[in-house]
Amino acid sequence: HDARRVAEEMGFPHYVLDYENIFKDAVI
C-alpha cells in the first residue's frame, strides 16, 4: 500500500507482481 501511494503521489505507474511461488521455491 505504501509503495502504491508513493507512485500515485509522484505520478508514475506502479505494479504488484505475485512472486509467492518463485520465492517459496527459490528462497524459503
mmCIF file of all heavy atoms, coordinates in Angstrom:
data_MODEL
# 
_entry.id   MODEL 
# 
loop_
_atom_site.group_PDB 
_atom_site.id 
_atom_site.type_symbol 
_atom_site.label_atom_id 
_atom_site.label_alt_id 
_atom_site.label_comp_id 
_atom_site.label_asym_id 
_atom_site.label_entity_id 
_atom_site.label_seq_id 
_atom_site.pdbx_PDB_ins_code 
_atom_site.Cartn_x 
_atom_site.Cartn_y 
_atom_site.Cartn_z 
_atom_site.occupancy 
_atom_site.B_iso_or_equiv 
_atom_site.pdbx_formal_charge 
_atom_site.auth_seq_id 
_atom_site.auth_comp_id 
_atom_site.auth_asym_id 
_atom_site.auth_atom_id 
_atom_site.pdbx_PDB_model_num 
ATOM 1   N N   . HIS A 1 1  ? 0.836  -1.212  0.000   1.00 0.00 ? 1  HIS A N   1 
ATOM 2   C CA  . HIS A 1 1  ? 0.000  0.000   0.000   1.00 0.00 ? 1  HIS A CA  1 
ATOM 3   C C   . HIS A 1 1  ? 0.865  1.254   0.000   1.00 0.00 ? 1  HIS A C   1 
ATOM 4   O O   . HIS A 1 1  ? 0.592  2.211   -0.740  1.00 0.00 ? 1  HIS A O   1 
ATOM 5   C CB  . HIS A 1 1  ? -0.910 -0.021  1.229   1.00 0.00 ? 1  HIS A CB  1 
ATOM 6   C CG  . HIS A 1 1  ? -1.639 1.274   1.459   1.00 0.00 ? 1  HIS A CG  1 
ATOM 7   N ND1 . HIS A 1 1  ? -2.724 1.671   0.697   1.00 0.00 ? 1  HIS A ND1 1 
ATOM 8   C CD2 . HIS A 1 1  ? -1.413 2.278   2.356   1.00 0.00 ? 1  HIS A CD2 1 
ATOM 9   C CE1 . HIS A 1 1  ? -3.138 2.861   1.117   1.00 0.00 ? 1  HIS A CE1 1 
ATOM 10  N NE2 . HIS A 1 1  ? -2.365 3.244   2.117   1.00 0.00 ? 1  HIS A NE2 1 
ATOM 11  N N   . ASP A 1 2  ? 1.913  1.267   0.814   1.00 0.00 ? 2  ASP A N   1 
ATOM 12  C CA  . ASP A 1 2  ? 2.784  2.447   0.889   1.00 0.00 ? 2  ASP A CA  1 
ATOM 13  C C   . ASP A 1 2  ? 3.481  2.699   -0.438  1.00 0.00 ? 2  ASP A C   1 
ATOM 14  O O   . ASP A 1 2  ? 3.632  3.852   -0.866  1.00 0.00 ? 2  ASP A O   1 
ATOM 15  C CB  . ASP A 1 2  ? 3.821  2.259   1.998   1.00 0.00 ? 2  ASP A CB  1 
ATOM 16  C CG  . ASP A 1 2  ? 3.219  2.393   3.393   1.00 0.00 ? 2  ASP A CG  1 
ATOM 17  O OD1 . ASP A 1 2  ? 2.103  2.962   3.507   1.00 0.00 ? 2  ASP A OD1 1 
ATOM 18  O OD2 . ASP A 1 2  ? 3.856  1.930   4.362   1.00 0.00 ? 2  ASP A OD2 1 
ATOM 19  N N   . ALA A 1 3  ? 3.940  1.637   -1.092  1.00 0.00 ? 3  ALA A N   1 
ATOM 20  C CA  . ALA A 1 3  ? 4.608  1.796   -2.381  1.00 0.00 ? 3  ALA A CA  1 
ATOM 21  C C   . ALA A 1 3  ? 3.641  2.356   -3.426  1.00 0.00 ? 3  ALA A C   1 
ATOM 22  O O   . ALA A 1 3  ? 3.991  3.259   -4.205  1.00 0.00 ? 3  ALA A O   1 
ATOM 23  C CB  . ALA A 1 3  ? 5.169  0.454   -2.846  1.00 0.00 ? 3  ALA A CB  1 
ATOM 24  N N   . ARG A 1 4  ? 2.422  1.839   -3.427  1.00 0.00 ? 4  ARG A N   1 
ATOM 25  C CA  . ARG A 1 4  ? 1.425  2.321   -4.394  1.00 0.00 ? 4  ARG A CA  1 
ATOM 26  C C   . ARG A 1 4  ? 1.099  3.799   -4.156  1.00 0.00 ? 4  ARG A C   1 
ATOM 27  O O   . ARG A 1 4  ? 0.945  4.577   -5.106  1.00 0.00 ? 4  ARG A O   1 
ATOM 28  C CB  . ARG A 1 4  ? 0.157  1.472   -4.270  1.00 0.00 ? 4  ARG A CB  1 
ATOM 29  C CG  . ARG A 1 4  ? -0.952 1.877   -5.247  1.00 0.00 ? 4  ARG A CG  1 
ATOM 30  C CD  . ARG A 1 4  ? -2.189 1.016   -5.084  1.00 0.00 ? 4  ARG A CD  1 
ATOM 31  N NE  . ARG A 1 4  ? -1.942 -0.356  -5.509  1.00 0.00 ? 4  ARG A NE  1 
ATOM 32  C CZ  . ARG A 1 4  ? -2.013 -1.405  -4.716  1.00 0.00 ? 4  ARG A CZ  1 
ATOM 33  N NH1 . ARG A 1 4  ? -2.297 -1.245  -3.422  1.00 0.00 ? 4  ARG A NH1 1 
ATOM 34  N NH2 . ARG A 1 4  ? -1.806 -2.611  -5.179  1.00 0.00 ? 4  ARG A NH2 1 
ATOM 35  N N   . ARG A 1 5  ? 1.041  4.195   -2.903  1.00 0.00 ? 5  ARG A N   1 
ATOM 36  C CA  . ARG A 1 5  ? 0.726  5.583   -2.580  1.00 0.00 ? 5  ARG A CA  1 
ATOM 37  C C   . ARG A 1 5  ? 1.833  6.528   -3.056  1.00 0.00 ? 5  ARG A C   1 
ATOM 38  O O   . ARG A 1 5  ? 1.564  7.613   -3.578  1.00 0.00 ? 5  ARG A O   1 
ATOM 39  C CB  . ARG A 1 5  ? 0.516  5.745   -1.069  1.00 0.00 ? 5  ARG A CB  1 
ATOM 40  C CG  . ARG A 1 5  ? 0.086  7.150   -0.654  1.00 0.00 ? 5  ARG A CG  1 
ATOM 41  C CD  . ARG A 1 5  ? -0.316 7.185   0.799   1.00 0.00 ? 5  ARG A CD  1 
ATOM 42  N NE  . ARG A 1 5  ? 0.778  6.765   1.679   1.00 0.00 ? 5  ARG A NE  1 
ATOM 43  C CZ  . ARG A 1 5  ? 0.645  6.620   2.993   1.00 0.00 ? 5  ARG A CZ  1 
ATOM 44  N NH1 . ARG A 1 5  ? -0.522 6.850   3.576   1.00 0.00 ? 5  ARG A NH1 1 
ATOM 45  N NH2 . ARG A 1 5  ? 1.686  6.253   3.733   1.00 0.00 ? 5  ARG A NH2 1 
ATOM 46  N N   . VAL A 1 6  ? 3.097  6.115   -2.896  1.00 0.00 ? 6  VAL A N   1 
ATOM 47  C CA  . VAL A 1 6  ? 4.211  6.940   -3.375  1.00 0.00 ? 6  VAL A CA  1 
ATOM 48  C C   . VAL A 1 6  ? 4.114  7.120   -4.880  1.00 0.00 ? 6  VAL A C   1 
ATOM 49  O O   . VAL A 1 6  ? 4.305  8.230   -5.407  1.00 0.00 ? 6  VAL A O   1 
ATOM 50  C CB  . VAL A 1 6  ? 5.561  6.296   -2.995  1.00 0.00 ? 6  VAL A CB  1 
ATOM 51  C CG1 . VAL A 1 6  ? 6.715  6.993   -3.713  1.00 0.00 ? 6  VAL A CG1 1 
ATOM 52  C CG2 . VAL A 1 6  ? 5.774  6.353   -1.487  1.00 0.00 ? 6  VAL A CG2 1 
ATOM 53  N N   . ALA A 1 7  ? 3.804  6.049   -5.590  1.00 0.00 ? 7  ALA A N   1 
ATOM 54  C CA  . ALA A 1 7  ? 3.679  6.122   -7.049  1.00 0.00 ? 7  ALA A CA  1 
ATOM 55  C C   . ALA A 1 7  ? 2.556  7.073   -7.458  1.00 0.00 ? 7  ALA A C   1 
ATOM 56  O O   . ALA A 1 7  ? 2.706  7.874   -8.395  1.00 0.00 ? 7  ALA A O   1 
ATOM 57  C CB  . ALA A 1 7  ? 3.428  4.725   -7.620  1.00 0.00 ? 7  ALA A CB  1 
ATOM 58  N N   . GLU A 1 8  ? 1.449  7.006   -6.747  1.00 0.00 ? 8  GLU A N   1 
ATOM 59  C CA  . GLU A 1 8  ? 0.322  7.897   -7.055  1.00 0.00 ? 8  GLU A CA  1 
ATOM 60  C C   . GLU A 1 8  ? 0.701  9.350   -6.813  1.00 0.00 ? 8  GLU A C   1 
ATOM 61  O O   . GLU A 1 8  ? 0.401  10.235  -7.620  1.00 0.00 ? 8  GLU A O   1 
ATOM 62  C CB  . GLU A 1 8  ? -0.888 7.513   -6.209  1.00 0.00 ? 8  GLU A CB  1 
ATOM 63  C CG  . GLU A 1 8  ? -1.525 6.184   -6.603  1.00 0.00 ? 8  GLU A CG  1 
ATOM 64  C CD  . GLU A 1 8  ? -2.630 5.769   -5.646  1.00 0.00 ? 8  GLU A CD  1 
ATOM 65  O OE1 . GLU A 1 8  ? -2.786 6.433   -4.591  1.00 0.00 ? 8  GLU A OE1 1 
ATOM 66  O OE2 . GLU A 1 8  ? -3.327 4.771   -5.940  1.00 0.00 ? 8  GLU A OE2 1 
ATOM 67  N N   . GLU A 1 9  ? 1.394  9.595   -5.703  1.00 0.00 ? 9  GLU A N   1 
ATOM 68  C CA  . GLU A 1 9  ? 1.765  10.967  -5.359  1.00 0.00 ? 9  GLU A CA  1 
ATOM 69  C C   . GLU A 1 9  ? 2.783  11.550  -6.335  1.00 0.00 ? 9  GLU A C   1 
ATOM 70  O O   . GLU A 1 9  ? 2.744  12.739  -6.652  1.00 0.00 ? 9  GLU A O   1 
ATOM 71  C CB  . GLU A 1 9  ? 2.332  11.007  -3.935  1.00 0.00 ? 9  GLU A CB  1 
ATOM 72  C CG  . GLU A 1 9  ? 1.294  10.724  -2.851  1.00 0.00 ? 9  GLU A CG  1 
ATOM 73  C CD  . GLU A 1 9  ? 1.925  10.587  -1.469  1.00 0.00 ? 9  GLU A CD  1 
ATOM 74  O OE1 . GLU A 1 9  ? 3.178  10.576  -1.392  1.00 0.00 ? 9  GLU A OE1 1 
ATOM 75  O OE2 . GLU A 1 9  ? 1.174  10.486  -0.483  1.00 0.00 ? 9  GLU A OE2 1 
ATOM 76  N N   . MET A 1 10 ? 3.675  10.712  -6.828  1.00 0.00 ? 10 MET A N   1 
ATOM 77  C CA  . MET A 1 10 ? 4.737  11.189  -7.716  1.00 0.00 ? 10 MET A CA  1 
ATOM 78  C C   . MET A 1 10 ? 4.373  11.049  -9.188  1.00 0.00 ? 10 MET A C   1 
ATOM 79  O O   . MET A 1 10 ? 5.114  11.502  -10.065 1.00 0.00 ? 10 MET A O   1 
ATOM 80  C CB  . MET A 1 10 ? 6.047  10.438  -7.430  1.00 0.00 ? 10 MET A CB  1 
ATOM 81  C CG  . MET A 1 10 ? 6.593  10.618  -6.016  1.00 0.00 ? 10 MET A CG  1 
ATOM 82  S SD  . MET A 1 10 ? 6.873  12.359  -5.547  1.00 0.00 ? 10 MET A SD  1 
ATOM 83  C CE  . MET A 1 10 ? 8.110  12.858  -6.752  1.00 0.00 ? 10 MET A CE  1 
ATOM 84  N N   . GLY A 1 11 ? 3.236  10.393  -9.465  1.00 0.00 ? 11 GLY A N   1 
ATOM 85  C CA  . GLY A 1 11 ? 2.723  10.367  -10.830 1.00 0.00 ? 11 GLY A CA  1 
ATOM 86  C C   . GLY A 1 11 ? 3.394  9.392   -11.776 1.00 0.00 ? 11 GLY A C   1 
ATOM 87  O O   . GLY A 1 11 ? 3.559  9.677   -12.968 1.00 0.00 ? 11 GLY A O   1 
ATOM 88  N N   . PHE A 1 12 ? 3.779  8.203   -11.294 1.00 0.00 ? 12 PHE A N   1 
ATOM 89  C CA  . PHE A 1 12 ? 4.313  7.197   -12.206 1.00 0.00 ? 12 PHE A CA  1 
ATOM 90  C C   . PHE A 1 12 ? 3.572  5.877   -11.988 1.00 0.00 ? 12 PHE A C   1 
ATOM 91  O O   . PHE A 1 12 ? 2.991  5.646   -10.919 1.00 0.00 ? 12 PHE A O   1 
ATOM 92  C CB  . PHE A 1 12 ? 5.828  7.008   -12.020 1.00 0.00 ? 12 PHE A CB  1 
ATOM 93  C CG  . PHE A 1 12 ? 6.264  6.608   -10.639 1.00 0.00 ? 12 PHE A CG  1 
ATOM 94  C CD1 . PHE A 1 12 ? 6.225  5.281   -10.223 1.00 0.00 ? 12 PHE A CD1 1 
ATOM 95  C CD2 . PHE A 1 12 ? 6.744  7.559   -9.738  1.00 0.00 ? 12 PHE A CD2 1 
ATOM 96  C CE1 . PHE A 1 12 ? 6.631  4.920   -8.951  1.00 0.00 ? 12 PHE A CE1 1 
ATOM 97  C CE2 . PHE A 1 12 ? 7.159  7.202   -8.467  1.00 0.00 ? 12 PHE A CE2 1 
ATOM 98  C CZ  . PHE A 1 12 ? 7.097  5.878   -8.065  1.00 0.00 ? 12 PHE A CZ  1 
ATOM 99  N N   . PRO A 1 13 ? 3.557  4.990   -12.985 1.00 0.00 ? 13 PRO A N   1 
ATOM 100 C CA  . PRO A 1 13 ? 2.824  3.723   -12.849 1.00 0.00 ? 13 PRO A CA  1 
ATOM 101 C C   . PRO A 1 13 ? 3.471  2.794   -11.843 1.00 0.00 ? 13 PRO A C   1 
ATOM 102 O O   . PRO A 1 13 ? 4.687  2.842   -11.619 1.00 0.00 ? 13 PRO A O   1 
ATOM 103 C CB  . PRO A 1 13 ? 2.872  3.129   -14.263 1.00 0.00 ? 13 PRO A CB  1 
ATOM 104 C CG  . PRO A 1 13 ? 4.036  3.784   -14.924 1.00 0.00 ? 13 PRO A CG  1 
ATOM 105 C CD  . PRO A 1 13 ? 4.131  5.157   -14.334 1.00 0.00 ? 13 PRO A CD  1 
ATOM 106 N N   . HIS A 1 14 ? 2.645  1.949   -11.237 1.00 0.00 ? 14 HIS A N   1 
ATOM 107 C CA  . HIS A 1 14 ? 3.124  1.016   -10.223 1.00 0.00 ? 14 HIS A CA  1 
ATOM 108 C C   . HIS A 1 14 ? 2.419  -0.315  -10.400 1.00 0.00 ? 14 HIS A C   1 
ATOM 109 O O   . HIS A 1 14 ? 1.210  -0.375  -10.627 1.00 0.00 ? 14 HIS A O   1 
ATOM 110 C CB  . HIS A 1 14 ? 2.834  1.565   -8.818  1.00 0.00 ? 14 HIS A CB  1 
ATOM 111 C CG  . HIS A 1 14 ? 3.168  0.611   -7.712  1.00 0.00 ? 14 HIS A CG  1 
ATOM 112 N ND1 . HIS A 1 14 ? 2.205  -0.147  -7.074  1.00 0.00 ? 14 HIS A ND1 1 
ATOM 113 C CD2 . HIS A 1 14 ? 4.357  0.277   -7.153  1.00 0.00 ? 14 HIS A CD2 1 
ATOM 114 C CE1 . HIS A 1 14 ? 2.793  -0.887  -6.144  1.00 0.00 ? 14 HIS A CE1 1 
ATOM 115 N NE2 . HIS A 1 14 ? 4.091  -0.647  -6.174  1.00 0.00 ? 14 HIS A NE2 1 
ATOM 116 N N   . TYR A 1 15 ? 3.207  -1.395  -10.317 1.00 0.00 ? 15 TYR A N   1 
ATOM 117 C CA  . TYR A 1 15 ? 2.655  -2.733  -10.488 1.00 0.00 ? 15 TYR A CA  1 
ATOM 118 C C   . TYR A 1 15 ? 3.054  -3.613  -9.302  1.00 0.00 ? 15 TYR A C   1 
ATOM 119 O O   . TYR A 1 15 ? 4.148  -3.489  -8.751  1.00 0.00 ? 15 TYR A O   1 
ATOM 120 C CB  . TYR A 1 15 ? 3.179  -3.374  -11.777 1.00 0.00 ? 15 TYR A CB  1 
ATOM 121 C CG  . TYR A 1 15 ? 2.843  -2.585  -13.021 1.00 0.00 ? 15 TYR A CG  1 
ATOM 122 C CD1 . TYR A 1 15 ? 3.784  -1.714  -13.577 1.00 0.00 ? 15 TYR A CD1 1 
ATOM 123 C CD2 . TYR A 1 15 ? 1.603  -2.695  -13.631 1.00 0.00 ? 15 TYR A CD2 1 
ATOM 124 C CE1 . TYR A 1 15 ? 3.493  -0.974  -14.705 1.00 0.00 ? 15 TYR A CE1 1 
ATOM 125 C CE2 . TYR A 1 15 ? 1.292  -1.956  -14.762 1.00 0.00 ? 15 TYR A CE2 1 
ATOM 126 C CZ  . TYR A 1 15 ? 2.236  -1.094  -15.292 1.00 0.00 ? 15 TYR A CZ  1 
ATOM 127 O OH  . TYR A 1 15 ? 1.940  -0.357  -16.402 1.00 0.00 ? 15 TYR A OH  1 
ATOM 128 N N   . VAL A 1 16 ? 2.145  -4.501  -8.916  1.00 0.00 ? 16 VAL A N   1 
ATOM 129 C CA  . VAL A 1 16 ? 2.420  -5.503  -7.888  1.00 0.00 ? 16 VAL A CA  1 
ATOM 130 C C   . VAL A 1 16 ? 2.470  -6.858  -8.579  1.00 0.00 ? 16 VAL A C   1 
ATOM 131 O O   . VAL A 1 16 ? 1.518  -7.248  -9.265  1.00 0.00 ? 16 VAL A O   1 
ATOM 132 C CB  . VAL A 1 16 ? 1.333  -5.505  -6.790  1.00 0.00 ? 16 VAL A CB  1 
ATOM 133 C CG1 . VAL A 1 16 ? 1.627  -6.598  -5.759  1.00 0.00 ? 16 VAL A CG1 1 
ATOM 134 C CG2 . VAL A 1 16 ? 1.246  -4.152  -6.114  1.00 0.00 ? 16 VAL A CG2 1 
ATOM 135 N N   . LEU A 1 17 ? 3.575  -7.558  -8.415  1.00 0.00 ? 17 LEU A N   1 
ATOM 136 C CA  . LEU A 1 17 ? 3.750  -8.859  -9.047  1.00 0.00 ? 17 LEU A CA  1 
ATOM 137 C C   . LEU A 1 17 ? 3.712  -9.959  -7.996  1.00 0.00 ? 17 LEU A C   1 
ATOM 138 O O   . LEU A 1 17 ? 4.365  -9.865  -6.961  1.00 0.00 ? 17 LEU A O   1 
ATOM 139 C CB  . LEU A 1 17 ? 5.097  -8.913  -9.787  1.00 0.00 ? 17 LEU A CB  1 
ATOM 140 C CG  . LEU A 1 17 ? 5.341  -7.823  -10.836 1.00 0.00 ? 17 LEU A CG  1 
ATOM 141 C CD1 . LEU A 1 17 ? 6.703  -8.027  -11.501 1.00 0.00 ? 17 LEU A CD1 1 
ATOM 142 C CD2 . LEU A 1 17 ? 4.226  -7.819  -11.881 1.00 0.00 ? 17 LEU A CD2 1 
ATOM 143 N N   . ASP A 1 18 ? 2.927  -10.995 -8.264  1.00 0.00 ? 18 ASP A N   1 
ATOM 144 C CA  . ASP A 1 18 ? 2.802  -12.122 -7.343  1.00 0.00 ? 18 ASP A CA  1 
ATOM 145 C C   . ASP A 1 18 ? 3.961  -13.091 -7.588  1.00 0.00 ? 18 ASP A C   1 
ATOM 146 O O   . ASP A 1 18 ? 3.965  -13.842 -8.560  1.00 0.00 ? 18 ASP A O   1 
ATOM 147 C CB  . ASP A 1 18 ? 1.464  -12.827 -7.569  1.00 0.00 ? 18 ASP A CB  1 
ATOM 148 C CG  . ASP A 1 18 ? 1.243  -13.974 -6.583  1.00 0.00 ? 18 ASP A CG  1 
ATOM 149 O OD1 . ASP A 1 18 ? 2.172  -14.289 -5.813  1.00 0.00 ? 18 ASP A OD1 1 
ATOM 150 O OD2 . ASP A 1 18 ? 0.144  -14.564 -6.582  1.00 0.00 ? 18 ASP A OD2 1 
ATOM 151 N N   . TYR A 1 19 ? 4.943  -13.059 -6.695  1.00 0.00 ? 19 TYR A N   1 
ATOM 152 C CA  . TYR A 1 19 ? 6.111  -13.919 -6.801  1.00 0.00 ? 19 TYR A CA  1 
ATOM 153 C C   . TYR A 1 19 ? 6.141  -14.954 -5.683  1.00 0.00 ? 19 TYR A C   1 
ATOM 154 O O   . TYR A 1 19 ? 7.196  -15.488 -5.352  1.00 0.00 ? 19 TYR A O   1 
ATOM 155 C CB  . TYR A 1 19 ? 7.392  -13.068 -6.725  1.00 0.00 ? 19 TYR A CB  1 
ATOM 156 C CG  . TYR A 1 19 ? 7.854  -12.495 -8.047  1.00 0.00 ? 19 TYR A CG  1 
ATOM 157 C CD1 . TYR A 1 19 ? 6.958  -12.182 -9.058  1.00 0.00 ? 19 TYR A CD1 1 
ATOM 158 C CD2 . TYR A 1 19 ? 9.204  -12.267 -8.285  1.00 0.00 ? 19 TYR A CD2 1 
ATOM 159 C CE1 . TYR A 1 19 ? 7.385  -11.645 -10.262 1.00 0.00 ? 19 TYR A CE1 1 
ATOM 160 C CE2 . TYR A 1 19 ? 9.649  -11.731 -9.490  1.00 0.00 ? 19 TYR A CE2 1 
ATOM 161 C CZ  . TYR A 1 19 ? 8.727  -11.423 -10.471 1.00 0.00 ? 19 TYR A CZ  1 
ATOM 162 O OH  . TYR A 1 19 ? 9.164  -10.893 -11.658 1.00 0.00 ? 19 TYR A OH  1 
ATOM 163 N N   . GLU A 1 20 ? 4.980  -15.250 -5.100  1.00 0.00 ? 20 GLU A N   1 
ATOM 164 C CA  . GLU A 1 20 ? 4.957  -16.155 -3.950  1.00 0.00 ? 20 GLU A CA  1 
ATOM 165 C C   . GLU A 1 20 ? 5.553  -17.520 -4.274  1.00 0.00 ? 20 GLU A C   1 
ATOM 166 O O   . GLU A 1 20 ? 6.364  -18.054 -3.513  1.00 0.00 ? 20 GLU A O   1 
ATOM 167 C CB  . GLU A 1 20 ? 3.524  -16.315 -3.434  1.00 0.00 ? 20 GLU A CB  1 
ATOM 168 C CG  . GLU A 1 20 ? 3.035  -15.147 -2.599  1.00 0.00 ? 20 GLU A CG  1 
ATOM 169 C CD  . GLU A 1 20 ? 1.729  -15.459 -1.880  1.00 0.00 ? 20 GLU A CD  1 
ATOM 170 O OE1 . GLU A 1 20 ? 1.566  -16.626 -1.445  1.00 0.00 ? 20 GLU A OE1 1 
ATOM 171 O OE2 . GLU A 1 20 ? 0.896  -14.572 -1.750  1.00 0.00 ? 20 GLU A OE2 1 
ATOM 172 N N   . ASN A 1 21 ? 5.159  -18.103 -5.397  1.00 0.00 ? 21 ASN A N   1 
ATOM 173 C CA  . ASN A 1 21 ? 5.657  -19.436 -5.745  1.00 0.00 ? 21 ASN A CA  1 
ATOM 174 C C   . ASN A 1 21 ? 7.153  -19.412 -6.036  1.00 0.00 ? 21 ASN A C   1 
ATOM 175 O O   . ASN A 1 21 ? 7.895  -20.305 -5.628  1.00 0.00 ? 21 ASN A O   1 
ATOM 176 C CB  . ASN A 1 21 ? 4.887  -19.991 -6.947  1.00 0.00 ? 21 ASN A CB  1 
ATOM 177 C CG  . ASN A 1 21 ? 3.458  -20.359 -6.604  1.00 0.00 ? 21 ASN A CG  1 
ATOM 178 O OD1 . ASN A 1 21 ? 3.140  -20.630 -5.448  1.00 0.00 ? 21 ASN A OD1 1 
ATOM 179 N ND2 . ASN A 1 21 ? 2.584  -20.363 -7.603  1.00 0.00 ? 21 ASN A ND2 1 
ATOM 180 N N   . ILE A 1 22 ? 7.588  -18.383 -6.757  1.00 0.00 ? 22 ILE A N   1 
ATOM 181 C CA  . ILE A 1 22 ? 9.015  -18.250 -7.068  1.00 0.00 ? 22 ILE A CA  1 
ATOM 182 C C   . ILE A 1 22 ? 9.812  -18.101 -5.777  1.00 0.00 ? 22 ILE A C   1 
ATOM 183 O O   . ILE A 1 22 ? 10.856 -18.732 -5.586  1.00 0.00 ? 22 ILE A O   1 
ATOM 184 C CB  . ILE A 1 22 ? 9.245  -17.033 -7.988  1.00 0.00 ? 22 ILE A CB  1 
ATOM 185 C CG1 . ILE A 1 22 ? 8.634  -17.290 -9.366  1.00 0.00 ? 22 ILE A CG1 1 
ATOM 186 C CG2 . ILE A 1 22 ? 10.734 -16.710 -8.117  1.00 0.00 ? 22 ILE A CG2 1 
ATOM 187 C CD1 . ILE A 1 22 ? 8.654  -16.081 -10.280 1.00 0.00 ? 22 ILE A CD1 1 
ATOM 188 N N   . PHE A 1 23 ? 9.319  -17.263 -4.864  1.00 0.00 ? 23 PHE A N   1 
ATOM 189 C CA  . PHE A 1 23 ? 10.005 -17.006 -3.606  1.00 0.00 ? 23 PHE A CA  1 
ATOM 190 C C   . PHE A 1 23 ? 10.089 -18.270 -2.755  1.00 0.00 ? 23 PHE A C   1 
ATOM 191 O O   . PHE A 1 23 ? 11.125 -18.568 -2.160  1.00 0.00 ? 23 PHE A O   1 
ATOM 192 C CB  . PHE A 1 23 ? 9.270  -15.901 -2.852  1.00 0.00 ? 23 PHE A CB  1 
ATOM 193 C CG  . PHE A 1 23 ? 9.956  -15.434 -1.595  1.00 0.00 ? 23 PHE A CG  1 
ATOM 194 C CD1 . PHE A 1 23 ? 11.173 -14.784 -1.639  1.00 0.00 ? 23 PHE A CD1 1 
ATOM 195 C CD2 . PHE A 1 23 ? 9.365  -15.636 -0.358  1.00 0.00 ? 23 PHE A CD2 1 
ATOM 196 C CE1 . PHE A 1 23 ? 11.804 -14.337 -0.487  1.00 0.00 ? 23 PHE A CE1 1 
ATOM 197 C CE2 . PHE A 1 23 ? 9.979  -15.196 0.802   1.00 0.00 ? 23 PHE A CE2 1 
ATOM 198 C CZ  . PHE A 1 23 ? 11.203 -14.548 0.730   1.00 0.00 ? 23 PHE A CZ  1 
ATOM 199 N N   . LYS A 1 24 ? 8.996  -19.023 -2.717  1.00 0.00 ? 24 LYS A N   1 
ATOM 200 C CA  . LYS A 1 24 ? 8.994  -20.258 -1.924  1.00 0.00 ? 24 LYS A CA  1 
ATOM 201 C C   . LYS A 1 24 ? 9.997  -21.256 -2.485  1.00 0.00 ? 24 LYS A C   1 
ATOM 202 O O   . LYS A 1 24 ? 10.790 -21.843 -1.745  1.00 0.00 ? 24 LYS A O   1 
ATOM 203 C CB  . LYS A 1 24 ? 7.600  -20.881 -1.903  1.00 0.00 ? 24 LYS A CB  1 
ATOM 204 C CG  . LYS A 1 24 ? 7.524  -22.155 -1.047  1.00 0.00 ? 24 LYS A CG  1 
ATOM 205 C CD  . LYS A 1 24 ? 6.124  -22.741 -1.040  1.00 0.00 ? 24 LYS A CD  1 
ATOM 206 C CE  . LYS A 1 24 ? 6.066  -23.948 -0.103  1.00 0.00 ? 24 LYS A CE  1 
ATOM 207 N NZ  . LYS A 1 24 ? 6.994  -25.025 -0.500  1.00 0.00 ? 24 LYS A NZ  1 
ATOM 208 N N   . ASP A 1 25 ? 9.977  -21.427 -3.813  1.00 0.00 ? 25 ASP A N   1 
ATOM 209 C CA  . ASP A 1 25 ? 10.862 -22.411 -4.431  1.00 0.00 ? 25 ASP A CA  1 
ATOM 210 C C   . ASP A 1 25 ? 12.333 -21.998 -4.354  1.00 0.00 ? 25 ASP A C   1 
ATOM 211 O O   . ASP A 1 25 ? 13.206 -22.838 -4.122  1.00 0.00 ? 25 ASP A O   1 
ATOM 212 C CB  . ASP A 1 25 ? 10.472 -22.629 -5.901  1.00 0.00 ? 25 ASP A CB  1 
ATOM 213 C CG  . ASP A 1 25 ? 9.109  -23.286 -6.051  1.00 0.00 ? 25 ASP A CG  1 
ATOM 214 O OD1 . ASP A 1 25 ? 8.620  -23.872 -5.070  1.00 0.00 ? 25 ASP A OD1 1 
ATOM 215 O OD2 . ASP A 1 25 ? 8.532  -23.195 -7.162  1.00 0.00 ? 25 ASP A OD2 1 
ATOM 216 N N   . ALA A 1 26 ? 12.611 -20.713 -4.552  1.00 0.00 ? 26 ALA A N   1 
ATOM 217 C CA  . ALA A 1 26 ? 13.992 -20.255 -4.673  1.00 0.00 ? 26 ALA A CA  1 
ATOM 218 C C   . ALA A 1 26 ? 14.627 -19.870 -3.350  1.00 0.00 ? 26 ALA A C   1 
ATOM 219 O O   . ALA A 1 26 ? 15.852 -19.873 -3.237  1.00 0.00 ? 26 ALA A O   1 
ATOM 220 C CB  . ALA A 1 26 ? 14.049 -19.053 -5.637  1.00 0.00 ? 26 ALA A CB  1 
ATOM 221 N N   . VAL A 1 27 ? 13.806 -19.541 -2.344  1.00 0.00 ? 27 VAL A N   1 
ATOM 222 C CA  . VAL A 1 27 ? 14.361 -19.000 -1.103  1.00 0.00 ? 27 VAL A CA  1 
ATOM 223 C C   . VAL A 1 27 ? 13.911 -19.785 0.127   1.00 0.00 ? 27 VAL A C   1 
ATOM 224 O O   . VAL A 1 27 ? 14.739 -20.297 0.890   1.00 0.00 ? 27 VAL A O   1 
ATOM 225 C CB  . VAL A 1 27 ? 13.988 -17.508 -0.935  1.00 0.00 ? 27 VAL A CB  1 
ATOM 226 C CG1 . VAL A 1 27 ? 14.565 -16.955 0.369   1.00 0.00 ? 27 VAL A CG1 1 
ATOM 227 C CG2 . VAL A 1 27 ? 14.496 -16.696 -2.124  1.00 0.00 ? 27 VAL A CG2 1 
ATOM 228 N N   . ILE A 1 28 ? 12.604 -19.884 0.341   1.00 0.00 ? 28 ILE A N   1 
ATOM 229 C CA  . ILE A 1 28 ? 12.101 -20.451 1.592   1.00 0.00 ? 28 ILE A CA  1 
ATOM 230 C C   . ILE A 1 28 ? 12.445 -21.930 1.736   1.00 0.00 ? 28 ILE A C   1 
ATOM 231 O O   . ILE A 1 28 ? 12.892 -22.377 2.795   1.00 0.00 ? 28 ILE A O   1 
ATOM 232 C CB  . ILE A 1 28 ? 10.581 -20.237 1.716   1.00 0.00 ? 28 ILE A CB  1 
ATOM 233 C CG1 . ILE A 1 28 ? 10.272 -18.739 1.807   1.00 0.00 ? 28 ILE A CG1 1 
ATOM 234 C CG2 . ILE A 1 28 ? 10.040 -20.959 2.943   1.00 0.00 ? 28 ILE A CG2 1 
ATOM 235 C CD1 . ILE A 1 28 ? 8.783  -18.421 1.920   1.00 0.00 ? 28 ILE A CD1 1 
# 
